[in-house]
mmCIF file of all heavy atoms, coordinates in Angstrom:
data_MODEL
# 
_entry.id   MODEL 
# 
loop_
_atom_site.group_PDB 
_atom_site.id 
_atom_site.type_symbol 
_atom_site.label_atom_id 
_atom_site.label_alt_id 
_atom_site.label_comp_id 
_atom_site.label_asym_id 
_atom_site.label_entity_id 
_atom_site.label_seq_id 
_atom_site.pdbx_PDB_ins_code 
_atom_site.Cartn_x 
_atom_site.Cartn_y 
_atom_site.Cartn_z 
_atom_site.occupancy 
_atom_site.B_iso_or_equiv 
_atom_site.pdbx_formal_charge 
_atom_site.auth_seq_id 
_atom_site.auth_comp_id 
_atom_site.auth_asym_id 
_atom_site.auth_atom_id 
_atom_site.pdbx_PDB_model_num 
ATOM 1   N N   . VAL A 1 1  ? -1.083  -2.382 -5.222  1.00 0.00 ? 1  VAL A N   1 
ATOM 2   C CA  . VAL A 1 1  ? -0.481  -3.617 -4.716  1.00 0.00 ? 1  VAL A CA  1 
ATOM 3   C C   . VAL A 1 1  ? -0.229  -4.590 -5.874  1.00 0.00 ? 1  VAL A C   1 
ATOM 4   O O   . VAL A 1 1  ? 0.836   -5.212 -5.967  1.00 0.00 ? 1  VAL A O   1 
ATOM 5   C CB  . VAL A 1 1  ? -1.379  -4.275 -3.654  1.00 0.00 ? 1  VAL A CB  1 
ATOM 6   C CG1 . VAL A 1 1  ? -0.877  -5.664 -3.294  1.00 0.00 ? 1  VAL A CG1 1 
ATOM 7   C CG2 . VAL A 1 1  ? -1.439  -3.399 -2.403  1.00 0.00 ? 1  VAL A CG2 1 
ATOM 8   N N   . GLU A 1 2  ? -1.196  -4.705 -6.765  1.00 0.00 ? 2  GLU A N   1 
ATOM 9   C CA  . GLU A 1 2  ? -1.062  -5.597 -7.921  1.00 0.00 ? 2  GLU A CA  1 
ATOM 10  C C   . GLU A 1 2  ? 0.121   -5.198 -8.795  1.00 0.00 ? 2  GLU A C   1 
ATOM 11  O O   . GLU A 1 2  ? 0.977   -6.028 -9.137  1.00 0.00 ? 2  GLU A O   1 
ATOM 12  C CB  . GLU A 1 2  ? -2.355  -5.547 -8.730  1.00 0.00 ? 2  GLU A CB  1 
ATOM 13  C CG  . GLU A 1 2  ? -2.346  -6.423 -9.972  1.00 0.00 ? 2  GLU A CG  1 
ATOM 14  C CD  . GLU A 1 2  ? -3.645  -6.306 -10.745 1.00 0.00 ? 2  GLU A CD  1 
ATOM 15  O OE1 . GLU A 1 2  ? -3.938  -5.191 -11.252 1.00 0.00 ? 2  GLU A OE1 1 
ATOM 16  O OE2 . GLU A 1 2  ? -4.356  -7.304 -10.845 1.00 0.00 ? 2  GLU A OE2 1 
ATOM 17  N N   . SER A 1 3  ? 0.210   -3.918 -9.150  1.00 0.00 ? 3  SER A N   1 
ATOM 18  C CA  . SER A 1 3  ? 1.275   -3.452 -10.031 1.00 0.00 ? 3  SER A CA  1 
ATOM 19  C C   . SER A 1 3  ? 2.647   -3.543 -9.365  1.00 0.00 ? 3  SER A C   1 
ATOM 20  O O   . SER A 1 3  ? 3.639   -3.923 -10.004 1.00 0.00 ? 3  SER A O   1 
ATOM 21  C CB  . SER A 1 3  ? 1.004   -2.004 -10.472 1.00 0.00 ? 3  SER A CB  1 
ATOM 22  O OG  . SER A 1 3  ? -0.183  -1.920 -11.224 1.00 0.00 ? 3  SER A OG  1 
ATOM 23  N N   . MET A 1 4  ? 2.711   -3.190 -8.077  1.00 0.00 ? 4  MET A N   1 
ATOM 24  C CA  . MET A 1 4  ? 3.996   -3.266 -7.374  1.00 0.00 ? 4  MET A CA  1 
ATOM 25  C C   . MET A 1 4  ? 4.482   -4.710 -7.251  1.00 0.00 ? 4  MET A C   1 
ATOM 26  O O   . MET A 1 4  ? 5.683   -4.978 -7.303  1.00 0.00 ? 4  MET A O   1 
ATOM 27  C CB  . MET A 1 4  ? 3.879   -2.609 -6.003  1.00 0.00 ? 4  MET A CB  1 
ATOM 28  C CG  . MET A 1 4  ? 3.704   -1.090 -6.080  1.00 0.00 ? 4  MET A CG  1 
ATOM 29  S SD  . MET A 1 4  ? 3.822   -0.231 -4.485  1.00 0.00 ? 4  MET A SD  1 
ATOM 30  C CE  . MET A 1 4  ? 2.384   -0.879 -3.617  1.00 0.00 ? 4  MET A CE  1 
ATOM 31  N N   . THR A 1 5  ? 3.550   -5.642 -7.116  1.00 0.00 ? 5  THR A N   1 
ATOM 32  C CA  . THR A 1 5  ? 3.922   -7.063 -7.072  1.00 0.00 ? 5  THR A CA  1 
ATOM 33  C C   . THR A 1 5  ? 4.556   -7.486 -8.390  1.00 0.00 ? 5  THR A C   1 
ATOM 34  O O   . THR A 1 5  ? 5.567   -8.196 -8.417  1.00 0.00 ? 5  THR A O   1 
ATOM 35  C CB  . THR A 1 5  ? 2.690   -7.928 -6.781  1.00 0.00 ? 5  THR A CB  1 
ATOM 36  O OG1 . THR A 1 5  ? 2.174   -7.603 -5.486  1.00 0.00 ? 5  THR A OG1 1 
ATOM 37  C CG2 . THR A 1 5  ? 3.043   -9.406 -6.824  1.00 0.00 ? 5  THR A CG2 1 
ATOM 38  N N   . GLU A 1 6  ? 3.971   -7.040 -9.499  1.00 0.00 ? 6  GLU A N   1 
ATOM 39  C CA  . GLU A 1 6  ? 4.513   -7.387 -10.811 1.00 0.00 ? 6  GLU A CA  1 
ATOM 40  C C   . GLU A 1 6  ? 5.915   -6.827 -10.997 1.00 0.00 ? 6  GLU A C   1 
ATOM 41  O O   . GLU A 1 6  ? 6.780   -7.472 -11.606 1.00 0.00 ? 6  GLU A O   1 
ATOM 42  C CB  . GLU A 1 6  ? 3.589   -6.842 -11.905 1.00 0.00 ? 6  GLU A CB  1 
ATOM 43  C CG  . GLU A 1 6  ? 2.236   -7.546 -11.953 1.00 0.00 ? 6  GLU A CG  1 
ATOM 44  C CD  . GLU A 1 6  ? 1.312   -6.942 -12.989 1.00 0.00 ? 6  GLU A CD  1 
ATOM 45  O OE1 . GLU A 1 6  ? 1.772   -6.098 -13.781 1.00 0.00 ? 6  GLU A OE1 1 
ATOM 46  O OE2 . GLU A 1 6  ? 0.119   -7.303 -13.000 1.00 0.00 ? 6  GLU A OE2 1 
ATOM 47  N N   . VAL A 1 7  ? 6.175   -5.636 -10.458 1.00 0.00 ? 7  VAL A N   1 
ATOM 48  C CA  . VAL A 1 7  ? 7.486   -5.009 -10.604 1.00 0.00 ? 7  VAL A CA  1 
ATOM 49  C C   . VAL A 1 7  ? 8.534   -5.674 -9.708  1.00 0.00 ? 7  VAL A C   1 
ATOM 50  O O   . VAL A 1 7  ? 9.707   -5.744 -10.061 1.00 0.00 ? 7  VAL A O   1 
ATOM 51  C CB  . VAL A 1 7  ? 7.398   -3.500 -10.331 1.00 0.00 ? 7  VAL A CB  1 
ATOM 52  C CG1 . VAL A 1 7  ? 8.769   -2.857 -10.317 1.00 0.00 ? 7  VAL A CG1 1 
ATOM 53  C CG2 . VAL A 1 7  ? 6.534   -2.827 -11.388 1.00 0.00 ? 7  VAL A CG2 1 
ATOM 54  N N   . GLY A 1 8  ? 8.096   -6.167 -8.525  1.00 0.00 ? 8  GLY A N   1 
ATOM 55  C CA  . GLY A 1 8  ? 9.063   -6.888 -7.687  1.00 0.00 ? 8  GLY A CA  1 
ATOM 56  C C   . GLY A 1 8  ? 9.120   -6.512 -6.229  1.00 0.00 ? 8  GLY A C   1 
ATOM 57  O O   . GLY A 1 8  ? 10.083  -6.861 -5.539  1.00 0.00 ? 8  GLY A O   1 
ATOM 58  N N   . VAL A 1 9  ? 8.110   -5.814 -5.705  1.00 0.00 ? 9  VAL A N   1 
ATOM 59  C CA  . VAL A 1 9  ? 8.122   -5.450 -4.290  1.00 0.00 ? 9  VAL A CA  1 
ATOM 60  C C   . VAL A 1 9  ? 8.138   -6.694 -3.406  1.00 0.00 ? 9  VAL A C   1 
ATOM 61  O O   . VAL A 1 9  ? 7.533   -7.713 -3.732  1.00 0.00 ? 9  VAL A O   1 
ATOM 62  C CB  . VAL A 1 9  ? 6.906   -4.557 -3.951  1.00 0.00 ? 9  VAL A CB  1 
ATOM 63  C CG1 . VAL A 1 9  ? 5.610   -5.362 -3.942  1.00 0.00 ? 9  VAL A CG1 1 
ATOM 64  C CG2 . VAL A 1 9  ? 7.086   -3.840 -2.624  1.00 0.00 ? 9  VAL A CG2 1 
ATOM 65  N N   . GLU A 1 10 ? 8.863   -6.627 -2.271  1.00 0.00 ? 10 GLU A N   1 
ATOM 66  C CA  . GLU A 1 10 ? 8.903   -7.741 -1.324  1.00 0.00 ? 10 GLU A CA  1 
ATOM 67  C C   . GLU A 1 10 ? 7.925   -7.580 -0.167  1.00 0.00 ? 10 GLU A C   1 
ATOM 68  O O   . GLU A 1 10 ? 7.510   -8.561 0.430   1.00 0.00 ? 10 GLU A O   1 
ATOM 69  C CB  . GLU A 1 10 ? 10.319  -7.915 -0.753  1.00 0.00 ? 10 GLU A CB  1 
ATOM 70  C CG  . GLU A 1 10 ? 11.220  -8.812 -1.553  1.00 0.00 ? 10 GLU A CG  1 
ATOM 71  C CD  . GLU A 1 10 ? 11.799  -8.105 -2.773  1.00 0.00 ? 10 GLU A CD  1 
ATOM 72  O OE1 . GLU A 1 10 ? 12.028  -6.877 -2.711  1.00 0.00 ? 10 GLU A OE1 1 
ATOM 73  O OE2 . GLU A 1 10 ? 12.031  -8.791 -3.783  1.00 0.00 ? 10 GLU A OE2 1 
ATOM 74  N N   . HIS A 1 11 ? 7.597   -6.338 0.184   1.00 0.00 ? 11 HIS A N   1 
ATOM 75  C CA  . HIS A 1 11 ? 6.748   -6.111 1.348   1.00 0.00 ? 11 HIS A CA  1 
ATOM 76  C C   . HIS A 1 11 ? 5.934   -4.840 1.122   1.00 0.00 ? 11 HIS A C   1 
ATOM 77  O O   . HIS A 1 11 ? 6.489   -3.787 0.783   1.00 0.00 ? 11 HIS A O   1 
ATOM 78  C CB  . HIS A 1 11 ? 7.618   -5.952 2.609   1.00 0.00 ? 11 HIS A CB  1 
ATOM 79  C CG  . HIS A 1 11 ? 6.858   -6.000 3.898   1.00 0.00 ? 11 HIS A CG  1 
ATOM 80  N ND1 . HIS A 1 11 ? 7.482   -5.822 5.130   1.00 0.00 ? 11 HIS A ND1 1 
ATOM 81  C CD2 . HIS A 1 11 ? 5.549   -6.175 4.171   1.00 0.00 ? 11 HIS A CD2 1 
ATOM 82  C CE1 . HIS A 1 11 ? 6.582   -5.917 6.086   1.00 0.00 ? 11 HIS A CE1 1 
ATOM 83  N NE2 . HIS A 1 11 ? 5.398   -6.123 5.536   1.00 0.00 ? 11 HIS A NE2 1 
ATOM 84  N N   . VAL A 1 12 ? 4.618   -4.941 1.280   1.00 0.00 ? 12 VAL A N   1 
ATOM 85  C CA  . VAL A 1 12 ? 3.739   -3.787 1.204   1.00 0.00 ? 12 VAL A CA  1 
ATOM 86  C C   . VAL A 1 12 ? 3.086   -3.615 2.572   1.00 0.00 ? 12 VAL A C   1 
ATOM 87  O O   . VAL A 1 12 ? 2.462   -4.556 3.087   1.00 0.00 ? 12 VAL A O   1 
ATOM 88  C CB  . VAL A 1 12 ? 2.657   -3.925 0.121   1.00 0.00 ? 12 VAL A CB  1 
ATOM 89  C CG1 . VAL A 1 12 ? 1.816   -2.661 0.045   1.00 0.00 ? 12 VAL A CG1 1 
ATOM 90  C CG2 . VAL A 1 12 ? 3.272   -4.221 -1.229  1.00 0.00 ? 12 VAL A CG2 1 
ATOM 91  N N   . ILE A 1 13 ? 3.243   -2.425 3.147   1.00 0.00 ? 13 ILE A N   1 
ATOM 92  C CA  . ILE A 1 13 ? 2.729   -2.145 4.492   1.00 0.00 ? 13 ILE A CA  1 
ATOM 93  C C   . ILE A 1 13 ? 1.684   -1.038 4.403   1.00 0.00 ? 13 ILE A C   1 
ATOM 94  O O   . ILE A 1 13 ? 1.962   0.053  3.898   1.00 0.00 ? 13 ILE A O   1 
ATOM 95  C CB  . ILE A 1 13 ? 3.870   -1.702 5.431   1.00 0.00 ? 13 ILE A CB  1 
ATOM 96  C CG1 . ILE A 1 13 ? 4.990   -2.741 5.437   1.00 0.00 ? 13 ILE A CG1 1 
ATOM 97  C CG2 . ILE A 1 13 ? 3.335   -1.446 6.836   1.00 0.00 ? 13 ILE A CG2 1 
ATOM 98  C CD1 . ILE A 1 13 ? 6.245   -2.280 6.167   1.00 0.00 ? 13 ILE A CD1 1 
ATOM 99  N N   . GLY A 1 14 ? 0.486   -1.312 4.871   1.00 0.00 ? 14 GLY A N   1 
ATOM 100 C CA  . GLY A 1 14 ? -0.547  -0.292 4.889   1.00 0.00 ? 14 GLY A CA  1 
ATOM 101 C C   . GLY A 1 14 ? -0.223  0.778  5.929   1.00 0.00 ? 14 GLY A C   1 
ATOM 102 O O   . GLY A 1 14 ? 0.254   0.481  7.024   1.00 0.00 ? 14 GLY A O   1 
ATOM 103 N N   . TRP A 1 15 ? -0.503  2.043  5.573   1.00 0.00 ? 15 TRP A N   1 
ATOM 104 C CA  . TRP A 1 15 ? -0.162  3.170  6.443   1.00 0.00 ? 15 TRP A CA  1 
ATOM 105 C C   . TRP A 1 15 ? -1.410  3.996  6.778   1.00 0.00 ? 15 TRP A C   1 
ATOM 106 O O   . TRP A 1 15 ? -2.143  4.398  5.880   1.00 0.00 ? 15 TRP A O   1 
ATOM 107 C CB  . TRP A 1 15 ? 0.890   4.057  5.760   1.00 0.00 ? 15 TRP A CB  1 
ATOM 108 C CG  . TRP A 1 15 ? 1.205   5.353  6.457   1.00 0.00 ? 15 TRP A CG  1 
ATOM 109 C CD1 . TRP A 1 15 ? 1.171   5.595  7.798   1.00 0.00 ? 15 TRP A CD1 1 
ATOM 110 C CD2 . TRP A 1 15 ? 1.585   6.580  5.836   1.00 0.00 ? 15 TRP A CD2 1 
ATOM 111 N NE1 . TRP A 1 15 ? 1.514   6.891  8.061   1.00 0.00 ? 15 TRP A NE1 1 
ATOM 112 C CE2 . TRP A 1 15 ? 1.775   7.516  6.875   1.00 0.00 ? 15 TRP A CE2 1 
ATOM 113 C CE3 . TRP A 1 15 ? 1.799   6.965  4.514   1.00 0.00 ? 15 TRP A CE3 1 
ATOM 114 C CZ2 . TRP A 1 15 ? 2.153   8.838  6.616   1.00 0.00 ? 15 TRP A CZ2 1 
ATOM 115 C CZ3 . TRP A 1 15 ? 2.188   8.254  4.254   1.00 0.00 ? 15 TRP A CZ3 1 
ATOM 116 C CH2 . TRP A 1 15 ? 2.362   9.195  5.298   1.00 0.00 ? 15 TRP A CH2 1 
ATOM 117 N N   . LYS A 1 16 ? -1.621  4.237  8.065   1.00 0.00 ? 16 LYS A N   1 
ATOM 118 C CA  . LYS A 1 16 ? -2.729  5.073  8.529   1.00 0.00 ? 16 LYS A CA  1 
ATOM 119 C C   . LYS A 1 16 ? -2.280  6.536  8.550   1.00 0.00 ? 16 LYS A C   1 
ATOM 120 O O   . LYS A 1 16 ? -1.959  7.085  9.602   1.00 0.00 ? 16 LYS A O   1 
ATOM 121 C CB  . LYS A 1 16 ? -3.201  4.634  9.917   1.00 0.00 ? 16 LYS A CB  1 
ATOM 122 C CG  . LYS A 1 16 ? -3.826  3.246  9.941   1.00 0.00 ? 16 LYS A CG  1 
ATOM 123 C CD  . LYS A 1 16 ? -4.564  2.961  11.233  1.00 0.00 ? 16 LYS A CD  1 
ATOM 124 C CE  . LYS A 1 16 ? -3.629  2.941  12.426  1.00 0.00 ? 16 LYS A CE  1 
ATOM 125 N NZ  . LYS A 1 16 ? -4.318  2.533  13.680  1.00 0.00 ? 16 LYS A NZ  1 
ATOM 126 N N   . ALA A 1 17 ? -2.233  7.152  7.379   1.00 0.00 ? 17 ALA A N   1 
ATOM 127 C CA  . ALA A 1 17 ? -1.812  8.555  7.290   1.00 0.00 ? 17 ALA A CA  1 
ATOM 128 C C   . ALA A 1 17 ? -2.946  9.470  7.778   1.00 0.00 ? 17 ALA A C   1 
ATOM 129 O O   . ALA A 1 17 ? -4.122  9.101  7.778   1.00 0.00 ? 17 ALA A O   1 
ATOM 130 C CB  . ALA A 1 17 ? -1.459  8.892  5.843   1.00 0.00 ? 17 ALA A CB  1 
ATOM 131 N N   . GLU A 1 18 ? -2.568  10.692 8.172   1.00 0.00 ? 18 GLU A N   1 
ATOM 132 C CA  . GLU A 1 18 ? -3.556  11.626 8.718   1.00 0.00 ? 18 GLU A CA  1 
ATOM 133 C C   . GLU A 1 18 ? -4.649  11.972 7.713   1.00 0.00 ? 18 GLU A C   1 
ATOM 134 O O   . GLU A 1 18 ? -5.818  12.131 8.069   1.00 0.00 ? 18 GLU A O   1 
ATOM 135 C CB  . GLU A 1 18 ? -2.858  12.910 9.181   1.00 0.00 ? 18 GLU A CB  1 
ATOM 136 C CG  . GLU A 1 18 ? -2.032  12.755 10.450  1.00 0.00 ? 18 GLU A CG  1 
ATOM 137 C CD  . GLU A 1 18 ? -1.458  14.080 10.918  1.00 0.00 ? 18 GLU A CD  1 
ATOM 138 O OE1 . GLU A 1 18 ? -2.144  15.103 10.760  1.00 0.00 ? 18 GLU A OE1 1 
ATOM 139 O OE2 . GLU A 1 18 ? -0.324  14.079 11.427  1.00 0.00 ? 18 GLU A OE2 1 
ATOM 140 N N   . ARG A 1 19 ? -4.275  12.100 6.437   1.00 0.00 ? 19 ARG A N   1 
ATOM 141 C CA  . ARG A 1 19 ? -5.236  12.539 5.440   1.00 0.00 ? 19 ARG A CA  1 
ATOM 142 C C   . ARG A 1 19 ? -5.826  11.383 4.622   1.00 0.00 ? 19 ARG A C   1 
ATOM 143 O O   . ARG A 1 19 ? -6.362  11.591 3.545   1.00 0.00 ? 19 ARG A O   1 
ATOM 144 C CB  . ARG A 1 19 ? -4.579  13.557 4.506   1.00 0.00 ? 19 ARG A CB  1 
ATOM 145 C CG  . ARG A 1 19 ? -4.264  14.871 5.201   1.00 0.00 ? 19 ARG A CG  1 
ATOM 146 C CD  . ARG A 1 19 ? -3.539  15.830 4.282   1.00 0.00 ? 19 ARG A CD  1 
ATOM 147 N NE  . ARG A 1 19 ? -3.292  17.121 4.923   1.00 0.00 ? 19 ARG A NE  1 
ATOM 148 C CZ  . ARG A 1 19 ? -2.469  18.046 4.440   1.00 0.00 ? 19 ARG A CZ  1 
ATOM 149 N NH1 . ARG A 1 19 ? -1.801  17.829 3.300   1.00 0.00 ? 19 ARG A NH1 1 
ATOM 150 N NH2 . ARG A 1 19 ? -2.298  19.183 5.087   1.00 0.00 ? 19 ARG A NH2 1 
ATOM 151 N N   . ASN A 1 20 ? -5.719  10.170 5.146   1.00 0.00 ? 20 ASN A N   1 
ATOM 152 C CA  . ASN A 1 20 ? -6.375  9.047  4.478   1.00 0.00 ? 20 ASN A CA  1 
ATOM 153 C C   . ASN A 1 20 ? -7.870  9.296  4.393   1.00 0.00 ? 20 ASN A C   1 
ATOM 154 O O   . ASN A 1 20 ? -8.513  9.664  5.393   1.00 0.00 ? 20 ASN A O   1 
ATOM 155 C CB  . ASN A 1 20 ? -6.164  7.743  5.266   1.00 0.00 ? 20 ASN A CB  1 
ATOM 156 C CG  . ASN A 1 20 ? -4.949  6.974  4.800   1.00 0.00 ? 20 ASN A CG  1 
ATOM 157 O OD1 . ASN A 1 20 ? -4.289  7.350  3.841   1.00 0.00 ? 20 ASN A OD1 1 
ATOM 158 N ND2 . ASN A 1 20 ? -4.645  5.896  5.497   1.00 0.00 ? 20 ASN A ND2 1 
ATOM 159 N N   . VAL A 1 21 ? -8.430  9.080  3.218   1.00 0.00 ? 21 VAL A N   1 
ATOM 160 C CA  . VAL A 1 21 ? -9.888  9.131  3.069   1.00 0.00 ? 21 VAL A CA  1 
ATOM 161 C C   . VAL A 1 21 ? -10.451 7.743  3.318   1.00 0.00 ? 21 VAL A C   1 
ATOM 162 O O   . VAL A 1 21 ? -11.438 7.565  4.030   1.00 0.00 ? 21 VAL A O   1 
ATOM 163 C CB  . VAL A 1 21 ? -10.276 9.644  1.666   1.00 0.00 ? 21 VAL A CB  1 
ATOM 164 C CG1 . VAL A 1 21 ? -11.784 9.583  1.481   1.00 0.00 ? 21 VAL A CG1 1 
ATOM 165 C CG2 . VAL A 1 21 ? -9.752  11.058 1.459   1.00 0.00 ? 21 VAL A CG2 1 
ATOM 166 N N   . ALA A 1 22 ? -9.822  6.720  2.731   1.00 0.00 ? 22 ALA A N   1 
ATOM 167 C CA  . ALA A 1 22 ? -10.233 5.343  2.944   1.00 0.00 ? 22 ALA A CA  1 
ATOM 168 C C   . ALA A 1 22 ? -9.772  4.873  4.329   1.00 0.00 ? 22 ALA A C   1 
ATOM 169 O O   . ALA A 1 22 ? -8.856  5.447  4.925   1.00 0.00 ? 22 ALA A O   1 
ATOM 170 C CB  . ALA A 1 22 ? -9.632  4.451  1.856   1.00 0.00 ? 22 ALA A CB  1 
ATOM 171 N N   . ARG A 1 23 ? -10.418 3.859  4.838   1.00 0.00 ? 23 ARG A N   1 
ATOM 172 C CA  . ARG A 1 23 ? -10.087 3.308  6.149   1.00 0.00 ? 23 ARG A CA  1 
ATOM 173 C C   . ARG A 1 23 ? -9.752  1.833  6.038   1.00 0.00 ? 23 ARG A C   1 
ATOM 174 O O   . ARG A 1 23 ? -10.364 1.104  5.283   1.00 0.00 ? 23 ARG A O   1 
ATOM 175 C CB  . ARG A 1 23 ? -11.271 3.502  7.117   1.00 0.00 ? 23 ARG A CB  1 
ATOM 176 C CG  . ARG A 1 23 ? -11.509 4.967  7.489   1.00 0.00 ? 23 ARG A CG  1 
ATOM 177 C CD  . ARG A 1 23 ? -10.391 5.510  8.376   1.00 0.00 ? 23 ARG A CD  1 
ATOM 178 N NE  . ARG A 1 23 ? -10.586 6.901  8.731   1.00 0.00 ? 23 ARG A NE  1 
ATOM 179 C CZ  . ARG A 1 23 ? -10.046 7.929  8.102   1.00 0.00 ? 23 ARG A CZ  1 
ATOM 180 N NH1 . ARG A 1 23 ? -9.257  7.699  7.041   1.00 0.00 ? 23 ARG A NH1 1 
ATOM 181 N NH2 . ARG A 1 23 ? -10.263 9.158  8.482   1.00 0.00 ? 23 ARG A NH2 1 
ATOM 182 N N   . TRP A 1 24 ? -8.760  1.415  6.831   1.00 0.00 ? 24 TRP A N   1 
ATOM 183 C CA  . TRP A 1 24 ? -8.328  0.016  6.839   1.00 0.00 ? 24 TRP A CA  1 
ATOM 184 C C   . TRP A 1 24 ? -9.359  -0.840 7.567   1.00 0.00 ? 24 TRP A C   1 
ATOM 185 O O   . TRP A 1 24 ? -9.891  -0.453 8.612   1.00 0.00 ? 24 TRP A O   1 
ATOM 186 C CB  . TRP A 1 24 ? -6.984  -0.106 7.519   1.00 0.00 ? 24 TRP A CB  1 
ATOM 187 C CG  . TRP A 1 24 ? -6.385  -1.483 7.488   1.00 0.00 ? 24 TRP A CG  1 
ATOM 188 C CD1 . TRP A 1 24 ? -6.665  -2.518 8.311   1.00 0.00 ? 24 TRP A CD1 1 
ATOM 189 C CD2 . TRP A 1 24 ? -5.392  -1.962 6.575   1.00 0.00 ? 24 TRP A CD2 1 
ATOM 190 N NE1 . TRP A 1 24 ? -5.918  -3.622 7.979   1.00 0.00 ? 24 TRP A NE1 1 
ATOM 191 C CE2 . TRP A 1 24 ? -5.125  -3.310 6.927   1.00 0.00 ? 24 TRP A CE2 1 
ATOM 192 C CE3 . TRP A 1 24 ? -4.695  -1.383 5.504   1.00 0.00 ? 24 TRP A CE3 1 
ATOM 193 C CZ2 . TRP A 1 24 ? -4.189  -4.082 6.243   1.00 0.00 ? 24 TRP A CZ2 1 
ATOM 194 C CZ3 . TRP A 1 24 ? -3.763  -2.159 4.835   1.00 0.00 ? 24 TRP A CZ3 1 
ATOM 195 C CH2 . TRP A 1 24 ? -3.522  -3.486 5.207   1.00 0.00 ? 24 TRP A CH2 1 
# 
């Protein structure tokens, strides 16, 4: 998120993918 902000992203959306190890 930090690096993408520096590059210029406008919107970052968290995704609950099937193989996520971490949890939101």
